[in-house]
Amino acid sequence: MTIHFSLRLLFALIVALLGWKAGMVFSTWASVREALNSSYYPFILALFGFAVGGLGAPLLLRAPFEGLCRGLCRVHARKLLMGAAGIILGLVAAMLLTVPLSMLPGAWGATLPLVAALLLAFVGATTMIVRERDILNTLGLAVVRDTIRRRRDVVLLDTSAIIDGRIADIRKAGFVNGTLVVPRFVLDELQHIADSPDTLRRNRGRRGLDVLNRMQKDDRIQIEISEQLLPEIGEVDAKLVRLAQELDCPVLTNDYNLNRVAELQGVRVLNINELANAVKAVVLPGESLRVQVIQEGKELGQGVGYLDDGTMVVIDDGRRHMNATVDAVVTRVLQTVAGRMIFAQLESRR
């Protein structure tokens, strides 16, 4: 509220000053001096300009100001500092050229110093923002990034891992230590999913937001929101991989495609599905199982059931025992990225 009032007052004063200048010009007109005392015109136009500026400022400045605030919120503070440093360096370089350029004859000497100042300020800001990493590394000023990189207890969370919800229980159990970091672009994607017109996607997004809210309220879980947006990269998965490379930390996910892409780029991945498969009970060929057949298999005569931990059991000739509990003997175990599959045959057939 104070910023809006200050901008409104400043705009009103600027318009009042313009009105004063216009009144001074009108006062010099001979026809106006003969018709009326010209000394009133600067005051009248200044008051009129102040009123117009004060009343018109919200209409003229609110939308640009809010747009500027939204744009600044999306830009990392480091980029703002680098841009300001580039402008200062560009203006310093322009000052060195002001004296020789101002000595040029005619309009060249009046306009070229201003053009050089604007051009060098733009070039300096652009160069510092685009090459910020190389410049900071060269100067040895990347202290914050190196400090974060030395924190081996940082883990980046993917959208799929948040929606899955098991990360909260895994963190409480102590299998994942340290600080869980949620990038801002992951949070934006989660909010976009929660606002989806599709009911299933909307429920998944709201579940992810509820999981984050529950973890933030739990004192035993350390969770942070990273403001690094990486606007030069379009896809969320690519941003997540790049941020993990910068912070030198693993990514926690259950997305198979992200898992493969991250591993190809040298990023360590913590896959929740792999952890779930690792803690399942070991079943060896020849052991007996008692399972309920609940659906048909892909092959002729096969029946499919599930153990208590969700492991799929494919039973030969189990289709005729649909919705019944049977005793089966394990023949082989197939381990995949998606999970574990157990193939068995009926105890009676054995």
Protein backbone atom coordinates (compact mmCIF):
# COMPACT_ATOMS: atom_id res chain seq x y z
CA MET A 1 0.00 0.00 0.00
CA THR A 2 2.85 2.41 0.79
CA ILE A 3 4.55 1.71 -2.54
CA HIS A 4 1.35 2.40 -4.45
CA PHE A 5 0.81 5.67 -2.56
CA SER A 6 4.41 6.75 -3.16
CA LEU A 7 4.15 6.05 -6.88
CA ARG A 8 0.84 7.86 -7.05
CA LEU A 9 2.27 10.92 -5.28
CA LEU A 10 5.38 10.91 -7.48
CA PHE A 11 3.30 10.70 -10.65
CA ALA A 12 1.07 13.55 -9.45
CA LEU A 13 4.12 15.73 -8.73
CA ILE A 14 5.57 15.00 -12.17
CA VAL A 15 2.30 15.96 -13.89
CA ALA A 16 2.08 19.07 -11.67
CA LEU A 17 5.60 20.06 -12.74
CA LEU A 18 4.63 19.62 -16.38
CA GLY A 19 1.56 21.81 -15.73
CA TRP A 20 3.78 24.46 -14.16
CA LYS A 21 6.06 24.42 -17.19
CA ALA A 22 3.05 24.66 -19.51
CA GLY A 23 1.73 27.62 -17.48
CA MET A 24 5.07 29.37 -17.82
CA VAL A 25 4.88 28.92 -21.58
CA PHE A 26 1.31 30.24 -21.71
CA SER A 27 2.29 33.25 -19.61
CA THR A 28 4.70 34.38 -22.30
CA TRP A 29 2.02 34.68 -24.95
CA ALA A 30 1.22 38.32 -25.56
CA SER A 31 -2.42 37.68 -26.29
CA VAL A 32 -2.89 35.90 -22.97
CA ARG A 33 -1.16 38.70 -21.03
CA GLU A 34 -3.45 41.29 -22.57
CA ALA A 35 -6.59 39.32 -21.77
CA LEU A 36 -5.75 38.15 -18.24
CA ASN A 37 -3.05 38.37 -15.63
CA SER A 38 -0.59 35.68 -16.75
CA SER A 39 0.91 35.05 -13.30
CA TYR A 40 -1.98 32.77 -12.34
CA TYR A 41 -1.48 30.32 -15.15
CA PRO A 42 1.49 28.35 -13.70
CA PHE A 43 -0.30 27.84 -10.38
CA ILE A 44 -3.63 26.91 -12.00
CA LEU A 45 -2.09 24.41 -14.41
CA ALA A 46 0.16 22.97 -11.67
CA LEU A 47 -2.87 22.32 -9.41
CA PHE A 48 -4.78 20.90 -12.34
CA GLY A 49 -1.85 18.62 -13.24
CA PHE A 50 -1.51 17.45 -9.63
CA ALA A 51 -5.20 16.53 -9.51
CA VAL A 52 -5.11 14.76 -12.85
CA GLY A 53 -1.92 12.90 -11.92
CA GLY A 54 -3.27 11.83 -8.53
CA LEU A 55 -6.55 10.57 -9.95
CA GLY A 56 -5.13 9.00 -13.09
CA ALA A 57 -2.12 7.30 -11.52
CA PRO A 58 -3.99 4.11 -10.46
CA LEU A 59 -5.35 3.64 -13.97
CA LEU A 60 -2.03 4.31 -15.70
CA LEU A 61 0.46 2.76 -13.28
CA ARG A 62 -1.28 -0.21 -11.61
CA ALA A 63 -1.06 -2.66 -14.52
CA PRO A 64 2.59 -1.84 -15.44
CA PHE A 65 3.62 -1.93 -11.78
CA GLU A 66 1.98 -5.30 -11.12
CA GLY A 67 3.46 -6.70 -14.32
CA LEU A 68 6.90 -5.49 -13.28
CA CYS A 69 6.50 -7.09 -9.84
CA ARG A 70 5.47 -10.43 -11.35
CA GLY A 71 8.43 -10.31 -13.72
CA LEU A 72 10.88 -9.51 -10.92
CA CYS A 73 9.51 -12.36 -8.80
CA ARG A 74 10.33 -14.82 -11.59
CA VAL A 75 13.91 -13.59 -11.90
CA HIS A 76 16.55 -14.91 -9.51
CA ALA A 77 18.14 -12.33 -7.24
CA ARG A 78 21.59 -13.27 -8.52
CA LYS A 79 20.59 -12.31 -12.05
CA LEU A 80 19.29 -8.94 -10.83
CA LEU A 81 22.59 -8.23 -9.09
CA MET A 82 24.58 -9.28 -12.13
CA GLY A 83 22.42 -7.10 -14.38
CA ALA A 84 22.87 -4.09 -12.10
CA ALA A 85 26.63 -4.67 -12.05
CA GLY A 86 26.63 -4.86 -15.86
CA ILE A 87 24.75 -1.54 -16.13
CA ILE A 88 27.24 0.13 -13.80
CA LEU A 89 30.21 -1.17 -15.77
CA GLY A 90 28.58 -0.06 -19.03
CA LEU A 91 27.98 3.45 -17.68
CA VAL A 92 31.58 3.66 -16.45
CA ALA A 93 32.80 2.72 -19.92
CA ALA A 94 30.42 5.29 -21.43
CA MET A 95 31.87 8.01 -19.19
CA LEU A 96 35.30 7.38 -20.70
CA LEU A 97 33.83 7.97 -24.16
CA THR A 98 31.77 11.02 -23.23
CA VAL A 99 34.60 13.56 -23.57
CA PRO A 100 35.81 12.56 -27.06
CA LEU A 101 32.26 12.06 -28.36
CA SER A 102 31.07 15.42 -27.03
CA MET A 103 33.81 17.16 -29.01
CA LEU A 104 32.25 16.12 -32.32
CA PRO A 105 30.65 19.00 -34.24
CA GLY A 106 26.95 19.75 -34.37
CA ALA A 107 24.26 17.32 -33.30
CA TRP A 108 26.70 14.40 -33.20
CA GLY A 109 28.40 15.77 -30.12
CA ALA A 110 25.04 16.25 -28.37
CA THR A 111 23.46 12.87 -29.12
CA LEU A 112 26.29 10.31 -29.36
CA PRO A 113 27.26 10.41 -25.64
CA LEU A 114 23.66 9.52 -24.66
CA VAL A 115 23.46 6.79 -27.31
CA ALA A 116 26.80 5.35 -26.18
CA ALA A 117 25.66 5.32 -22.53
CA LEU A 118 22.43 3.46 -23.34
CA LEU A 119 24.12 1.00 -25.68
CA LEU A 120 26.99 0.16 -23.33
CA ALA A 121 24.64 -0.19 -20.35
CA PHE A 122 22.50 -2.66 -22.32
CA VAL A 123 25.53 -4.63 -23.54
CA GLY A 124 27.02 -4.74 -20.03
CA ALA A 125 23.79 -5.98 -18.41
CA THR A 126 23.21 -8.61 -21.11
CA THR A 127 26.79 -9.90 -20.89
CA MET A 128 26.75 -10.18 -17.10
CA ILE A 129 23.40 -12.01 -17.05
CA VAL A 130 24.19 -14.45 -19.87
CA ARG A 131 27.70 -15.31 -18.65
CA GLU A 132 27.06 -15.05 -14.91
CA ARG A 133 28.28 -18.56 -14.09
CA ASP A 134 31.56 -18.23 -15.95
CA ILE A 135 32.17 -14.75 -14.51
CA LEU A 136 31.46 -15.82 -10.92
CA ASN A 137 33.58 -18.94 -11.25
CA THR A 138 36.42 -16.94 -12.77
CA LEU A 139 36.31 -14.37 -9.98
CA GLY A 140 35.90 -17.07 -7.33
CA LEU A 141 32.66 -15.59 -6.06
CA ALA A 142 30.39 -18.63 -6.42
CA VAL A 143 30.37 -19.07 -2.65
CA VAL A 144 26.68 -19.81 -2.25
CA ARG A 145 26.59 -22.48 -4.93
CA ASP A 146 29.73 -24.17 -3.60
CA THR A 147 28.25 -24.14 -0.10
CA ILE A 148 25.07 -25.80 -1.33
CA ARG A 149 27.06 -28.25 -3.40
CA ARG A 150 28.96 -29.36 -0.31
CA ARG A 151 25.65 -30.20 1.38
CA ARG A 152 25.39 -33.85 0.52
CA ASP A 153 22.12 -34.13 2.43
CA VAL A 154 20.05 -32.19 -0.14
CA VAL A 155 17.52 -34.19 -2.21
CA LEU A 156 15.42 -32.72 -5.03
CA LEU A 157 11.79 -33.83 -5.22
CA ASP A 158 10.04 -34.53 -8.50
CA THR A 159 6.33 -33.92 -9.12
CA SER A 160 5.61 -37.65 -9.41
CA ALA A 161 7.30 -38.38 -6.08
CA ILE A 162 5.21 -35.70 -4.34
CA ILE A 163 1.95 -36.93 -5.85
CA ASP A 164 2.87 -40.52 -4.95
CA GLY A 165 2.84 -39.53 -1.26
CA ARG A 166 5.12 -42.29 0.04
CA ILE A 167 8.01 -39.87 0.43
CA ALA A 168 6.54 -38.56 3.69
CA ASP A 169 6.59 -42.04 5.29
CA ILE A 170 10.01 -42.83 3.78
CA ARG A 171 11.45 -39.61 5.24
CA LYS A 172 9.96 -40.33 8.66
CA ALA A 173 11.41 -43.86 8.59
CA GLY A 174 14.90 -42.43 8.02
CA PHE A 175 15.62 -43.98 4.62
CA VAL A 176 16.08 -40.49 3.13
CA ASN A 177 18.04 -38.06 5.29
CA GLY A 178 18.71 -34.36 4.99
CA THR A 179 16.68 -31.55 3.47
CA LEU A 180 14.02 -32.16 0.85
CA VAL A 181 14.13 -29.37 -1.75
CA VAL A 182 11.11 -28.61 -3.94
CA PRO A 183 11.98 -26.33 -6.88
CA ARG A 184 9.59 -23.51 -7.66
CA PHE A 185 8.91 -24.85 -11.16
CA VAL A 186 7.89 -28.23 -9.68
CA LEU A 187 5.51 -26.44 -7.33
CA ASP A 188 4.06 -24.49 -10.28
CA GLU A 189 3.55 -27.72 -12.23
CA LEU A 190 1.84 -29.29 -9.22
CA GLN A 191 -0.49 -26.31 -8.93
CA HIS A 192 -1.22 -26.48 -12.68
CA ILE A 193 -2.17 -30.16 -12.30
CA ALA A 194 -4.41 -29.31 -9.33
CA ASP A 195 -6.23 -26.73 -11.48
CA SER A 196 -6.72 -29.14 -14.40
CA PRO A 197 -10.28 -29.59 -15.73
CA ASP A 198 -9.70 -33.37 -15.80
CA THR A 199 -10.99 -34.87 -12.55
CA LEU A 200 -8.26 -37.51 -12.22
CA ARG A 201 -5.42 -35.03 -12.79
CA ARG A 202 -7.03 -32.51 -10.46
CA ASN A 203 -7.30 -35.08 -7.67
CA ARG A 204 -3.66 -36.10 -8.19
CA GLY A 205 -2.52 -32.49 -8.01
CA ARG A 206 -4.51 -31.79 -4.86
CA ARG A 207 -3.11 -34.94 -3.28
CA GLY A 208 0.41 -33.69 -4.00
CA LEU A 209 -0.35 -30.30 -2.43
CA ASP A 210 -1.79 -32.02 0.63
CA VAL A 211 1.36 -34.16 0.94
CA LEU A 212 3.57 -31.06 0.80
CA ASN A 213 1.41 -29.28 3.35
CA ARG A 214 1.59 -32.27 5.70
CA MET A 215 5.37 -32.50 5.40
CA GLN A 216 5.82 -28.77 6.04
CA LYS A 217 3.82 -29.05 9.26
CA ASP A 218 5.92 -32.01 10.45
CA ASP A 219 8.88 -30.77 12.50
CA ARG A 220 10.80 -33.98 11.80
CA ILE A 221 10.91 -33.27 8.05
CA GLN A 222 13.15 -30.51 6.71
CA ILE A 223 11.69 -29.16 3.47
CA GLU A 224 12.66 -26.06 1.49
CA ILE A 225 11.39 -24.28 -1.64
CA SER A 226 14.11 -23.43 -4.18
CA GLU A 227 13.53 -20.20 -6.14
CA GLN A 228 15.85 -21.14 -9.03
CA LEU A 229 13.57 -21.06 -12.07
CA LEU A 230 16.05 -21.71 -14.93
CA PRO A 231 13.90 -19.83 -17.49
CA GLU A 232 16.28 -20.69 -20.35
CA ILE A 233 15.09 -24.35 -20.15
CA GLY A 234 11.54 -25.21 -21.17
CA GLU A 235 10.69 -28.68 -19.82
CA VAL A 236 10.35 -29.35 -16.10
CA ASP A 237 12.33 -32.62 -16.23
CA ALA A 238 15.22 -30.88 -17.99
CA LYS A 239 15.15 -28.09 -15.39
CA LEU A 240 15.22 -30.65 -12.59
CA VAL A 241 18.23 -32.45 -14.09
CA ARG A 242 20.11 -29.16 -14.62
CA LEU A 243 19.41 -28.02 -11.06
CA ALA A 244 20.57 -31.38 -9.71
CA GLN A 245 23.81 -30.98 -11.69
CA GLU A 246 24.36 -27.49 -10.28
CA LEU A 247 23.68 -28.53 -6.69
CA ASP A 248 25.40 -31.91 -7.09
CA CYS A 249 22.54 -33.70 -5.36
CA PRO A 250 20.25 -36.65 -6.22
CA VAL A 251 16.72 -36.51 -7.60
CA LEU A 252 13.96 -38.45 -5.87
CA THR A 253 11.30 -39.66 -8.30
CA ASN A 254 9.29 -42.63 -9.51
CA ASP A 255 9.11 -41.44 -13.13
CA TYR A 256 10.79 -44.02 -15.37
CA ASN A 257 11.62 -41.57 -18.18
CA LEU A 258 13.14 -39.01 -15.82
CA ASN A 259 15.11 -41.83 -14.20
CA ARG A 260 16.68 -42.80 -17.51
CA VAL A 261 17.40 -39.24 -18.65
CA ALA A 262 18.99 -38.28 -15.34
CA GLU A 263 21.22 -41.36 -15.27
CA LEU A 264 22.40 -40.65 -18.83
CA GLN A 265 23.48 -37.16 -17.70
CA GLY A 266 25.31 -38.41 -14.63
CA VAL A 267 22.69 -37.42 -12.03
CA ARG A 268 22.07 -39.83 -9.18
CA VAL A 269 18.43 -40.93 -8.90
CA LEU A 270 16.55 -42.24 -5.88
CA ASN A 271 13.62 -44.22 -7.28
CA ILE A 272 10.79 -44.91 -4.87
CA ASN A 273 9.66 -47.95 -6.85
CA GLU A 274 13.12 -49.47 -6.64
CA LEU A 275 13.12 -48.92 -2.88
CA ALA A 276 9.69 -50.56 -2.60
CA ASN A 277 10.91 -53.55 -4.60
CA ALA A 278 14.05 -53.81 -2.48
CA VAL A 279 12.13 -54.10 0.79
CA LYS A 280 9.69 -56.71 -0.49
CA ALA A 281 9.99 -60.20 0.89
CA VAL A 282 12.27 -62.47 -1.13
CA VAL A 283 10.47 -65.32 -2.85
CA LEU A 284 12.51 -68.19 -4.29
CA PRO A 285 11.50 -70.85 -6.84
CA GLY A 286 10.02 -73.88 -5.12
CA GLU A 287 8.33 -71.97 -2.28
CA SER A 288 4.61 -72.27 -1.72
CA LEU A 289 2.21 -69.34 -1.82
CA ARG A 290 -1.44 -68.95 -0.95
CA VAL A 291 -3.05 -66.37 -3.20
CA GLN A 292 -6.51 -65.42 -4.44
CA VAL A 293 -7.07 -65.42 -8.21
CA ILE A 294 -8.87 -62.19 -9.08
CA GLN A 295 -8.46 -61.78 -12.84
CA GLU A 296 -7.44 -63.50 -16.06
CA GLY A 297 -3.90 -63.48 -17.39
CA LYS A 298 -2.70 -62.57 -20.87
CA GLU A 299 -1.96 -66.15 -21.86
CA LEU A 300 -4.57 -68.86 -22.26
CA GLY A 301 -5.67 -70.35 -18.96
CA GLN A 302 -3.58 -68.05 -16.77
CA GLY A 303 -4.91 -66.48 -13.59
CA VAL A 304 -3.54 -63.45 -11.79
CA GLY A 305 -3.43 -62.69 -8.10
CA TYR A 306 -1.54 -60.31 -5.82
CA LEU A 307 0.38 -60.67 -2.58
CA ASP A 308 -0.16 -58.35 0.37
CA ASP A 309 2.70 -56.08 -0.77
CA GLY A 310 1.21 -55.71 -4.26
CA THR A 311 3.45 -58.19 -6.07
CA MET A 312 1.73 -59.74 -9.10
CA VAL A 313 1.51 -63.54 -9.18
CA VAL A 314 0.76 -65.20 -12.53
CA ILE A 315 -0.56 -68.75 -12.05
CA ASP A 316 -0.63 -71.30 -14.86
CA ASP A 317 -4.05 -72.89 -15.33
CA GLY A 318 -5.42 -70.58 -12.64
CA ARG A 319 -8.26 -69.14 -14.71
CA ARG A 320 -10.67 -71.93 -13.73
CA HIS A 321 -10.13 -70.98 -10.06
CA MET A 322 -11.36 -67.39 -10.53
CA ASN A 323 -12.25 -65.62 -7.22
CA ALA A 324 -10.92 -68.57 -5.25
CA THR A 325 -7.88 -68.90 -2.99
CA VAL A 326 -5.40 -71.51 -4.20
CA ASP A 327 -2.06 -72.94 -3.16
CA ALA A 328 0.66 -72.35 -5.75
CA VAL A 329 4.35 -73.14 -6.11
CA VAL A 330 6.77 -70.48 -7.38
CA THR A 331 8.47 -71.46 -10.65
CA ARG A 332 10.40 -68.29 -11.42
CA VAL A 333 10.70 -64.64 -10.34
CA LEU A 334 11.04 -61.79 -12.84
CA GLN A 335 12.45 -58.47 -11.59
CA THR A 336 11.69 -55.35 -13.70
CA VAL A 337 11.92 -51.60 -13.17
CA ALA A 338 8.14 -51.44 -12.90
CA GLY A 339 8.11 -54.09 -10.17
CA ARG A 340 8.45 -57.79 -9.42
CA MET A 341 6.43 -60.54 -11.09
CA ILE A 342 6.12 -64.07 -9.75
CA PHE A 343 5.20 -67.00 -11.99
CA ALA A 344 3.73 -70.05 -10.28
CA GLN A 345 1.76 -73.22 -10.91
CA LEU A 346 -0.98 -74.85 -8.93
CA GLU A 347 0.06 -77.11 -6.07
CA SER A 348 -2.27 -79.83 -7.36
CA ARG A 349 -0.61 -79.78 -10.79
CA ARG A 350 2.76 -80.23 -9.17
